[in-house]
PDB file of N, CA and C in Angstrom:
ATOM      1  N   MET A   1       2.728 -81.384 -27.129  1.00  0.00           N
ATOM      2  CA  MET A   1       3.556 -81.498 -25.435  1.00  0.00           C
ATOM      3  C   MET A   1       4.805 -82.472 -25.848  1.00  0.00           C
ATOM      4  N   TYR A   2       5.502 -82.088 -24.989  1.00  0.00           N
ATOM      5  CA  TYR A   2       6.870 -82.917 -24.906  1.00  0.00           C
ATOM      6  C   TYR A   2       7.204 -83.025 -23.404  1.00  0.00           C
ATOM      7  N   ARG A   3       7.217 -84.388 -22.943  1.00  0.00           N
ATOM      8  CA  ARG A   3       7.426 -84.460 -21.639  1.00  0.00           C
ATOM      9  C   ARG A   3       6.787 -83.523 -20.492  1.00  0.00           C
ATOM     10  N   ASN A   4       5.496 -83.698 -20.607  1.00  0.00           N
ATOM     11  CA  ASN A   4       4.516 -82.681 -19.917  1.00  0.00           C
ATOM     12  C   ASN A   4       4.818 -81.205 -20.163  1.00  0.00           C
ATOM     13  N   LEU A   5       5.644 -80.798 -20.951  1.00  0.00           N
ATOM     14  CA  LEU A   5       5.747 -79.344 -21.231  1.00  0.00           C
ATOM     15  C   LEU A   5       5.276 -79.033 -22.575  1.00  0.00           C
ATOM     16  N   LYS A   6       4.632 -77.735 -22.495  1.00  0.00           N
ATOM     17  CA  LYS A   6       3.948 -77.211 -23.787  1.00  0.00           C
ATOM     18  C   LYS A   6       5.041 -76.543 -24.624  1.00  0.00           C
ATOM     19  N   THR A   7       5.320 -76.742 -25.699  1.00  0.00           N
ATOM     20  CA  THR A   7       6.238 -76.420 -26.312  1.00  0.00           C
ATOM     21  C   THR A   7       6.037 -75.438 -27.520  1.00  0.00           C
ATOM     22  N   ALA A   8       6.874 -74.155 -27.794  1.00  0.00           N
ATOM     23  CA  ALA A   8       6.777 -73.397 -29.085  1.00  0.00           C
ATOM     24  C   ALA A   8       8.070 -73.349 -29.757  1.00  0.00           C
ATOM     25  N   VAL A   9       7.988 -72.904 -30.836  1.00  0.00           N
ATOM     26  CA  VAL A   9       9.232 -72.396 -31.680  1.00  0.00           C
ATOM     27  C   VAL A   9       8.943 -71.134 -32.436  1.00  0.00           C
ATOM     28  N   VAL A  10       9.970 -70.400 -32.555  1.00  0.00           N
ATOM     29  CA  VAL A  10      10.012 -69.146 -33.210  1.00  0.00           C
ATOM     30  C   VAL A  10      10.689 -69.498 -34.415  1.00  0.00           C
ATOM     31  N   ILE A  11      10.186 -68.876 -35.409  1.00  0.00           N
ATOM     32  CA  ILE A  11      10.941 -68.999 -36.659  1.00  0.00           C
ATOM     33  C   ILE A  11      11.017 -67.851 -37.412  1.00  0.00           C
ATOM     34  N   PRO A  12      12.182 -67.176 -37.455  1.00  0.00           N
ATOM     35  CA  PRO A  12      12.270 -65.872 -38.268  1.00  0.00           C
ATOM     36  C   PRO A  12      12.466 -66.091 -39.556  1.00  0.00           C
ATOM     37  N   CYS A  13      11.535 -65.242 -40.426  1.00  0.00           N
ATOM     38  CA  CYS A  13      11.540 -65.551 -41.747  1.00  0.00           C
ATOM     39  C   CYS A  13      11.727 -64.273 -42.399  1.00  0.00           C
ATOM     40  N   TYR A  14      12.822 -64.292 -43.321  1.00  0.00           N
ATOM     41  CA  TYR A  14      13.059 -63.166 -44.127  1.00  0.00           C
ATOM     42  C   TYR A  14      13.258 -64.029 -45.631  1.00  0.00           C
ATOM     43  N   ASN A  15      12.096 -63.194 -46.682  1.00  0.00           N
ATOM     44  CA  ASN A  15      12.394 -63.941 -47.904  1.00  0.00           C
ATOM     45  C   ASN A  15      12.476 -65.526 -47.799  1.00  0.00           C
ATOM     46  N   GLU A  16      11.733 -65.987 -47.101  1.00  0.00           N
ATOM     47  CA  GLU A  16      11.666 -67.489 -46.959  1.00  0.00           C
ATOM     48  C   GLU A  16      10.675 -68.252 -47.709  1.00  0.00           C
ATOM     49  N   GLU A  17      10.000 -67.889 -48.667  1.00  0.00           N
ATOM     50  CA  GLU A  17       8.830 -68.128 -49.402  1.00  0.00           C
ATOM     51  C   GLU A  17       8.939 -69.721 -50.023  1.00  0.00           C
ATOM     52  N   LYS A  18      10.161 -69.898 -50.383  1.00  0.00           N
ATOM     53  CA  LYS A  18      10.388 -71.284 -50.976  1.00  0.00           C
ATOM     54  C   LYS A  18      10.603 -72.275 -50.188  1.00  0.00           C
ATOM     55  N   LEU A  19      11.075 -72.363 -48.755  1.00  0.00           N
ATOM     56  CA  LEU A  19      11.436 -73.251 -47.920  1.00  0.00           C
ATOM     57  C   LEU A  19      10.453 -73.139 -46.659  1.00  0.00           C
ATOM     58  N   ILE A  20       9.692 -71.962 -46.760  1.00  0.00           N
ATOM     59  CA  ILE A  20       9.105 -71.888 -45.038  1.00  0.00           C
ATOM     60  C   ILE A  20       7.844 -73.251 -44.963  1.00  0.00           C
ATOM     61  N   SER A  21       7.325 -73.624 -46.123  1.00  0.00           N
ATOM     62  CA  SER A  21       6.207 -74.688 -46.042  1.00  0.00           C
ATOM     63  C   SER A  21       6.814 -76.031 -45.456  1.00  0.00           C
ATOM     64  N   LYS A  22       8.242 -76.135 -46.291  1.00  0.00           N
ATOM     65  CA  LYS A  22       8.864 -77.500 -45.558  1.00  0.00           C
ATOM     66  C   LYS A  22       9.440 -77.328 -44.499  1.00  0.00           C
ATOM     67  N   THR A  23       9.971 -76.192 -43.806  1.00  0.00           N
ATOM     68  CA  THR A  23      10.217 -76.022 -42.633  1.00  0.00           C
ATOM     69  C   THR A  23       8.945 -76.098 -41.707  1.00  0.00           C
ATOM     70  N   VAL A  24       7.900 -75.661 -41.839  1.00  0.00           N
ATOM     71  CA  VAL A  24       6.806 -75.957 -41.116  1.00  0.00           C
ATOM     72  C   VAL A  24       6.192 -77.381 -40.814  1.00  0.00           C
ATOM     73  N   SER A  25       6.259 -77.973 -42.164  1.00  0.00           N
ATOM     74  CA  SER A  25       5.679 -79.454 -42.012  1.00  0.00           C
ATOM     75  C   SER A  25       6.865 -80.504 -41.605  1.00  0.00           C
ATOM     76  N   ASN A  26       8.139 -80.079 -41.598  1.00  0.00           N
ATOM     77  CA  ASN A  26       9.167 -80.938 -40.847  1.00  0.00           C
ATOM     78  C   ASN A  26       9.284 -80.879 -39.567  1.00  0.00           C
ATOM     79  N   LEU A  27       8.358 -79.897 -38.677  1.00  0.00           N
ATOM     80  CA  LEU A  27       8.578 -79.875 -37.254  1.00  0.00           C
ATOM     81  C   LEU A  27       7.999 -81.077 -36.668  1.00  0.00           C
ATOM     82  N   PRO A  28       8.523 -81.535 -35.432  1.00  0.00           N
ATOM     83  CA  PRO A  28       8.040 -82.729 -34.849  1.00  0.00           C
ATOM     84  C   PRO A  28       6.610 -82.330 -34.384  1.00  0.00           C
ATOM     85  N   LYS A  29       5.567 -83.058 -34.367  1.00  0.00           N
ATOM     86  CA  LYS A  29       4.509 -83.203 -34.106  1.00  0.00           C
ATOM     87  C   LYS A  29       4.041 -83.054 -32.429  1.00  0.00           C
ATOM     88  N   PHE A  30       5.005 -82.767 -31.723  1.00  0.00           N
ATOM     89  CA  PHE A  30       4.785 -82.508 -30.385  1.00  0.00           C
ATOM     90  C   PHE A  30       4.994 -80.919 -30.114  1.00  0.00           C
ATOM     91  N   ILE A  31       5.472 -80.141 -31.140  1.00  0.00           N
ATOM     92  CA  ILE A  31       5.264 -78.786 -31.076  1.00  0.00           C
ATOM     93  C   ILE A  31       3.974 -78.141 -30.708  1.00  0.00           C
ATOM     94  N   ASP A  32       3.643 -77.445 -29.900  1.00  0.00           N
ATOM     95  CA  ASP A  32       2.203 -76.867 -29.534  1.00  0.00           C
ATOM     96  C   ASP A  32       2.084 -75.639 -30.434  1.00  0.00           C
ATOM     97  N   TYR A  33       3.072 -74.766 -30.134  1.00  0.00           N
ATOM     98  CA  TYR A  33       2.809 -73.546 -31.259  1.00  0.00           C
ATOM     99  C   TYR A  33       3.998 -73.293 -32.080  1.00  0.00           C
ATOM    100  N   ILE A  34       3.647 -72.604 -33.355  1.00  0.00           N
ATOM    101  CA  ILE A  34       4.696 -72.439 -34.322  1.00  0.00           C
ATOM    102  C   ILE A  34       4.468 -70.885 -34.543  1.00  0.00           C
ATOM    103  N   ILE A  35       5.508 -70.032 -34.176  1.00  0.00           N
ATOM    104  CA  ILE A  35       5.347 -68.756 -34.267  1.00  0.00           C
ATOM    105  C   ILE A  35       6.284 -68.294 -35.425  1.00  0.00           C
ATOM    106  N   ALA A  36       5.751 -68.060 -36.502  1.00  0.00           N
ATOM    107  CA  ALA A  36       6.585 -67.576 -37.715  1.00  0.00           C
ATOM    108  C   ALA A  36       6.568 -65.987 -37.703  1.00  0.00           C
ATOM    109  N   VAL A  37       7.765 -65.270 -37.899  1.00  0.00           N
ATOM    110  CA  VAL A  37       7.774 -63.955 -38.002  1.00  0.00           C
ATOM    111  C   VAL A  37       8.358 -63.567 -39.124  1.00  0.00           C
ATOM    112  N   ASN A  38       7.415 -62.992 -39.997  1.00  0.00           N
ATOM    113  CA  ASN A  38       7.754 -62.471 -41.324  1.00  0.00           C
ATOM    114  C   ASN A  38       8.255 -61.111 -41.117  1.00  0.00           C
ATOM    115  N   ASP A  39       9.796 -61.019 -41.149  1.00  0.00           N
ATOM    116  CA  ASP A  39      10.673 -59.931 -40.877  1.00  0.00           C
ATOM    117  C   ASP A  39      10.835 -59.013 -41.859  1.00  0.00           C
ATOM    118  N   GLY A  40       9.622 -58.391 -42.446  1.00  0.00           N
ATOM    119  CA  GLY A  40       9.691 -57.277 -43.412  1.00  0.00           C
ATOM    120  C   GLY A  40      10.207 -57.916 -44.842  1.00  0.00           C
ATOM    121  N   SER A  41       9.730 -59.105 -45.113  1.00  0.00           N
ATOM    122  CA  SER A  41      10.281 -59.646 -46.399  1.00  0.00           C
ATOM    123  C   SER A  41       9.784 -58.713 -47.425  1.00  0.00           C
ATOM    124  N   SER A  42      10.253 -58.811 -48.686  1.00  0.00           N
ATOM    125  CA  SER A  42      10.071 -58.011 -49.717  1.00  0.00           C
ATOM    126  C   SER A  42       9.344 -59.124 -50.908  1.00  0.00           C
ATOM    127  N   VAL A  43       9.406 -60.126 -50.488  1.00  0.00           N
ATOM    128  CA  VAL A  43       8.631 -60.972 -51.475  1.00  0.00           C
ATOM    129  C   VAL A  43       7.262 -61.625 -51.023  1.00  0.00           C
ATOM    130  N   SER A  44       6.970 -62.894 -51.351  1.00  0.00           N
ATOM    131  CA  SER A  44       5.594 -63.283 -50.843  1.00  0.00           C
ATOM    132  C   SER A  44       5.911 -64.385 -49.584  1.00  0.00           C
ATOM    133  N   THR A  45       6.541 -64.150 -48.752  1.00  0.00           N
ATOM    134  CA  THR A  45       6.754 -64.918 -47.589  1.00  0.00           C
ATOM    135  C   THR A  45       5.548 -64.843 -46.646  1.00  0.00           C
ATOM    136  N   LEU A  46       4.987 -63.507 -46.660  1.00  0.00           N
ATOM    137  CA  LEU A  46       3.839 -63.395 -45.744  1.00  0.00           C
ATOM    138  C   LEU A  46       2.652 -64.004 -46.353  1.00  0.00           C
ATOM    139  N   LYS A  47       2.201 -63.933 -47.845  1.00  0.00           N
ATOM    140  CA  LYS A  47       1.341 -64.617 -48.320  1.00  0.00           C
ATOM    141  C   LYS A  47       1.272 -66.369 -47.944  1.00  0.00           C
ATOM    142  N   VAL A  48       2.496 -67.038 -48.131  1.00  0.00           N
ATOM    143  CA  VAL A  48       2.583 -68.260 -48.090  1.00  0.00           C
ATOM    144  C   VAL A  48       2.358 -68.536 -46.523  1.00  0.00           C
ATOM    145  N   LEU A  49       2.838 -67.627 -45.464  1.00  0.00           N
ATOM    146  CA  LEU A  49       2.759 -68.090 -44.340  1.00  0.00           C
ATOM    147  C   LEU A  49       0.980 -67.929 -43.893  1.00  0.00           C
ATOM    148  N   ASN A  50       0.459 -67.133 -44.473  1.00  0.00           N
ATOM    149  CA  ASN A  50      -1.040 -67.129 -44.197  1.00  0.00           C
ATOM    150  C   ASN A  50      -1.764 -68.288 -44.975  1.00  0.00           C
ATOM    151  N   THR A  51      -1.029 -68.491 -46.122  1.00  0.00           N
ATOM    152  CA  THR A  51      -1.824 -69.731 -46.535  1.00  0.00           C
ATOM    153  C   THR A  51      -1.614 -71.095 -45.614  1.00  0.00           C
ATOM    154  N   LEU A  52      -0.434 -71.166 -45.149  1.00  0.00           N
ATOM    155  CA  LEU A  52      -0.193 -72.274 -44.200  1.00  0.00           C
ATOM    156  C   LEU A  52      -1.266 -72.023 -42.835  1.00  0.00           C
ATOM    157  N   LYS A  53      -1.336 -70.876 -42.270  1.00  0.00           N
ATOM    158  CA  LYS A  53      -2.031 -70.862 -41.279  1.00  0.00           C
ATOM    159  C   LYS A  53      -3.353 -71.214 -41.429  1.00  0.00           C
ATOM    160  N   LYS A  54      -3.877 -71.228 -42.531  1.00  0.00           N
ATOM    161  CA  LYS A  54      -5.488 -71.628 -42.630  1.00  0.00           C
ATOM    162  C   LYS A  54      -5.408 -73.324 -42.603  1.00  0.00           C
ATOM    163  N   ASN A  55      -4.505 -73.825 -42.664  1.00  0.00           N
ATOM    164  CA  ASN A  55      -4.615 -75.394 -42.536  1.00  0.00           C
ATOM    165  C   ASN A  55      -3.834 -75.698 -41.425  1.00  0.00           C
ATOM    166  N   ASN A  56      -3.416 -74.959 -40.612  1.00  0.00           N
ATOM    167  CA  ASN A  56      -2.387 -75.244 -39.510  1.00  0.00           C
ATOM    168  C   ASN A  56      -2.991 -74.430 -38.110  1.00  0.00           C
ATOM    169  N   PRO A  57      -3.670 -75.117 -37.281  1.00  0.00           N
ATOM    170  CA  PRO A  57      -4.182 -74.274 -36.110  1.00  0.00           C
ATOM    171  C   PRO A  57      -2.799 -74.066 -35.064  1.00  0.00           C
ATOM    172  N   LYS A  58      -1.635 -74.577 -35.348  1.00  0.00           N
ATOM    173  CA  LYS A  58      -0.547 -74.271 -34.453  1.00  0.00           C
ATOM    174  C   LYS A  58       0.006 -72.995 -34.671  1.00  0.00           C
ATOM    175  N   LEU A  59      -0.050 -72.803 -35.961  1.00  0.00           N
ATOM    176  CA  LEU A  59       0.900 -71.785 -36.516  1.00  0.00           C
ATOM    177  C   LEU A  59       0.157 -70.139 -36.285  1.00  0.00           C
ATOM    178  N   ILE A  60       1.045 -69.497 -35.541  1.00  0.00           N
ATOM    179  CA  ILE A  60       0.985 -67.905 -35.331  1.00  0.00           C
ATOM    180  C   ILE A  60       1.599 -67.216 -36.104  1.00  0.00           C
ATOM    181  N   VAL A  61       1.111 -66.407 -37.063  1.00  0.00           N
ATOM    182  CA  VAL A  61       2.034 -65.324 -37.950  1.00  0.00           C
ATOM    183  C   VAL A  61       2.174 -63.820 -37.279  1.00  0.00           C
ATOM    184  N   VAL A  62       3.379 -63.635 -37.013  1.00  0.00           N
ATOM    185  CA  VAL A  62       3.862 -62.193 -36.647  1.00  0.00           C
ATOM    186  C   VAL A  62       4.190 -61.382 -37.856  1.00  0.00           C
ATOM    187  N   ASP A  63       3.784 -60.183 -38.185  1.00  0.00           N
ATOM    188  CA  ASP A  63       4.296 -59.552 -39.457  1.00  0.00           C
ATOM    189  C   ASP A  63       4.804 -58.368 -38.774  1.00  0.00           C
ATOM    190  N   LEU A  64       6.088 -58.203 -39.313  1.00  0.00           N
ATOM    191  CA  LEU A  64       6.950 -56.901 -38.754  1.00  0.00           C
ATOM    192  C   LEU A  64       7.155 -56.127 -40.555  1.00  0.00           C
ATOM    193  N   GLU A  65       6.473 -55.252 -40.377  1.00  0.00           N
ATOM    194  CA  GLU A  65       6.420 -54.232 -41.396  1.00  0.00           C
ATOM    195  C   GLU A  65       7.636 -54.230 -41.910  1.00  0.00           C
ATOM    196  N   LYS A  66       8.607 -53.681 -41.144  1.00  0.00           N
ATOM    197  CA  LYS A  66       9.937 -53.212 -41.293  1.00  0.00           C
ATOM    198  C   LYS A  66      11.091 -54.127 -40.941  1.00  0.00           C
ATOM    199  N   ASN A  67      11.963 -54.546 -41.701  1.00  0.00           N
ATOM    200  CA  ASN A  67      13.017 -55.638 -41.320  1.00  0.00           C
ATOM    201  C   ASN A  67      13.803 -55.313 -40.069  1.00  0.00           C
ATOM    202  N   GLN A  68      13.612 -56.083 -39.157  1.00  0.00           N
ATOM    203  CA  GLN A  68      14.174 -55.991 -37.917  1.00  0.00           C
ATOM    204  C   GLN A  68      15.521 -56.692 -37.729  1.00  0.00           C
ATOM    205  N   GLY A  69      15.852 -57.456 -38.516  1.00  0.00           N
ATOM    206  CA  GLY A  69      17.171 -58.195 -38.588  1.00  0.00           C
ATOM    207  C   GLY A  69      16.861 -59.615 -37.579  1.00  0.00           C
ATOM    208  N   ILE A  70      17.569 -60.600 -37.587  1.00  0.00           N
ATOM    209  CA  ILE A  70      17.381 -61.730 -37.031  1.00  0.00           C
ATOM    210  C   ILE A  70      16.978 -61.414 -35.434  1.00  0.00           C
ATOM    211  N   GLY A  71      17.745 -60.443 -34.617  1.00  0.00           N
ATOM    212  CA  GLY A  71      17.544 -60.244 -33.406  1.00  0.00           C
ATOM    213  C   GLY A  71      16.276 -59.644 -33.111  1.00  0.00           C
ATOM    214  N   GLY A  72      15.896 -58.768 -33.718  1.00  0.00           N
ATOM    215  CA  GLY A  72      14.598 -58.211 -33.764  1.00  0.00           C
ATOM    216  C   GLY A  72      13.192 -59.067 -34.080  1.00  0.00           C
ATOM    217  N   ALA A  73      13.550 -60.036 -35.033  1.00  0.00           N
ATOM    218  CA  ALA A  73      12.535 -60.974 -35.301  1.00  0.00           C
ATOM    219  C   ALA A  73      12.167 -62.100 -34.169  1.00  0.00           C
ATOM    220  N   LEU A  74      13.685 -62.314 -33.725  1.00  0.00           N
ATOM    221  CA  LEU A  74      13.383 -63.301 -32.576  1.00  0.00           C
ATOM    222  C   LEU A  74      12.705 -62.730 -31.208  1.00  0.00           C
ATOM    223  N   ILE A  75      13.164 -61.607 -30.911  1.00  0.00           N
ATOM    224  CA  ILE A  75      12.357 -60.778 -29.769  1.00  0.00           C
ATOM    225  C   ILE A  75      10.887 -60.657 -30.076  1.00  0.00           C
ATOM    226  N   SER A  76      10.472 -60.094 -31.312  1.00  0.00           N
ATOM    227  CA  SER A  76       8.912 -60.421 -31.582  1.00  0.00           C
ATOM    228  C   SER A  76       8.386 -61.614 -31.295  1.00  0.00           C
ATOM    229  N   GLY A  77       9.167 -62.721 -31.871  1.00  0.00           N
ATOM    230  CA  GLY A  77       8.620 -64.131 -31.663  1.00  0.00           C
ATOM    231  C   GLY A  77       8.373 -64.489 -30.118  1.00  0.00           C
ATOM    232  N   TYR A  78       9.587 -64.282 -29.545  1.00  0.00           N
ATOM    233  CA  TYR A  78       9.469 -64.528 -27.978  1.00  0.00           C
ATOM    234  C   TYR A  78       8.336 -63.666 -27.257  1.00  0.00           C
ATOM    235  N   GLN A  79       8.256 -62.420 -27.535  1.00  0.00           N
ATOM    236  CA  GLN A  79       7.130 -61.683 -26.650  1.00  0.00           C
ATOM    237  C   GLN A  79       5.909 -62.294 -27.399  1.00  0.00           C
ATOM    238  N   GLU A  80       5.531 -62.602 -28.647  1.00  0.00           N
ATOM    239  CA  GLU A  80       4.360 -63.294 -29.066  1.00  0.00           C
ATOM    240  C   GLU A  80       3.968 -64.616 -28.107  1.00  0.00           C
ATOM    241  N   ALA A  81       4.938 -65.453 -28.152  1.00  0.00           N
ATOM    242  CA  ALA A  81       4.919 -66.719 -27.311  1.00  0.00           C
ATOM    243  C   ALA A  81       4.872 -66.704 -25.928  1.00  0.00           C
ATOM    244  N   ILE A  82       5.387 -65.517 -25.078  1.00  0.00           N
ATOM    245  CA  ILE A  82       5.051 -65.229 -23.723  1.00  0.00           C
ATOM    246  C   ILE A  82       3.592 -64.690 -23.665  1.00  0.00           C
ATOM    247  N   LYS A  83       3.152 -63.682 -24.458  1.00  0.00           N
ATOM    248  CA  LYS A  83       2.037 -63.012 -24.297  1.00  0.00           C
ATOM    249  C   LYS A  83       0.874 -63.774 -24.786  1.00  0.00           C
ATOM    250  N   ASN A  84       0.918 -64.732 -25.638  1.00  0.00           N
ATOM    251  CA  ASN A  84      -0.369 -65.315 -26.242  1.00  0.00           C
ATOM    252  C   ASN A  84      -0.016 -67.116 -26.577  1.00  0.00           C
ATOM    253  N   SER A  85       0.608 -67.368 -25.533  1.00  0.00           N
ATOM    254  CA  SER A  85       0.636 -68.965 -25.361  1.00  0.00           C
ATOM    255  C   SER A  85       1.033 -69.226 -24.020  1.00  0.00           C
ATOM    256  N   ASP A  86       0.731 -70.486 -23.705  1.00  0.00           N
ATOM    257  CA  ASP A  86       0.998 -71.068 -22.366  1.00  0.00           C
ATOM    258  C   ASP A  86       2.042 -71.801 -22.602  1.00  0.00           C
ATOM    259  N   ALA A  87       3.094 -71.578 -23.547  1.00  0.00           N
ATOM    260  CA  ALA A  87       4.273 -72.499 -23.551  1.00  0.00           C
ATOM    261  C   ALA A  87       5.344 -72.422 -22.251  1.00  0.00           C
ATOM    262  N   ASP A  88       5.566 -73.744 -21.903  1.00  0.00           N
ATOM    263  CA  ASP A  88       6.589 -73.708 -21.017  1.00  0.00           C
ATOM    264  C   ASP A  88       8.097 -73.542 -21.591  1.00  0.00           C
ATOM    265  N   VAL A  89       8.175 -74.033 -22.710  1.00  0.00           N
ATOM    266  CA  VAL A  89       9.432 -73.994 -23.611  1.00  0.00           C
ATOM    267  C   VAL A  89       9.350 -73.289 -24.789  1.00  0.00           C
ATOM    268  N   ILE A  90      10.483 -72.332 -24.991  1.00  0.00           N
ATOM    269  CA  ILE A  90      10.628 -72.015 -26.392  1.00  0.00           C
ATOM    270  C   ILE A  90      11.810 -72.184 -27.153  1.00  0.00           C
ATOM    271  N   GLY A  91      11.681 -72.534 -28.373  1.00  0.00           N
ATOM    272  CA  GLY A  91      13.027 -72.652 -29.024  1.00  0.00           C
ATOM    273  C   GLY A  91      12.923 -72.062 -30.310  1.00  0.00           C
ATOM    274  N   ILE A  92      13.933 -72.204 -31.151  1.00  0.00           N
ATOM    275  CA  ILE A  92      14.359 -71.361 -32.443  1.00  0.00           C
ATOM    276  C   ILE A  92      14.386 -72.585 -33.496  1.00  0.00           C
ATOM    277  N   VAL A  93      14.147 -72.030 -34.751  1.00  0.00           N
ATOM    278  CA  VAL A  93      13.940 -73.054 -35.883  1.00  0.00           C
ATOM    279  C   VAL A  93      14.386 -72.040 -36.914  1.00  0.00           C
ATOM    280  N   ALA A  94      15.176 -72.318 -37.830  1.00  0.00           N
ATOM    281  CA  ALA A  94      15.771 -71.364 -38.849  1.00  0.00           C
ATOM    282  C   ALA A  94      14.528 -71.576 -40.018  1.00  0.00           C
ATOM    283  N   GLY A  95      14.114 -70.619 -40.683  1.00  0.00           N
ATOM    284  CA  GLY A  95      13.091 -70.636 -41.735  1.00  0.00           C
ATOM    285  C   GLY A  95      13.631 -71.360 -42.936  1.00  0.00           C
ATOM    286  N   ASP A  96      14.700 -71.688 -43.150  1.00  0.00           N
ATOM    287  CA  ASP A  96      15.090 -72.280 -44.335  1.00  0.00           C
ATOM    288  C   ASP A  96      15.085 -73.761 -44.309  1.00  0.00           C
ATOM    289  N   ASN A  97      14.736 -74.508 -43.127  1.00  0.00           N
ATOM    290  CA  ASN A  97      14.762 -75.926 -42.942  1.00  0.00           C
ATOM    291  C   ASN A  97      16.145 -76.541 -42.613  1.00  0.00           C
ATOM    292  N   GLN A  98      16.836 -75.560 -41.822  1.00  0.00           N
ATOM    293  CA  GLN A  98      18.101 -76.429 -41.757  1.00  0.00           C
ATOM    294  C   GLN A  98      17.809 -76.955 -40.169  1.00  0.00           C
TER     295      GLN A  98
END
């Protein structure tokens, strides 16, 4: 919670298996929901996300079977946040820890 607001971030992920762990671990502690969207990655991104999820109750993984591009991944992440969280504020974080 930040300034009495529940916070969520959407992380679009396309082939981010090398950096997604670092990205998630570097998020500020006040983030209440982390919504990582696997955007049809052709590598082990989903496997890494599911492993992270086991140890991080804040992490929600959305798996898109077909690549939707950055816009589609963000829309899916926002829809997940609106539908399945009580976040007051939703932001975006790049999956490559930038």
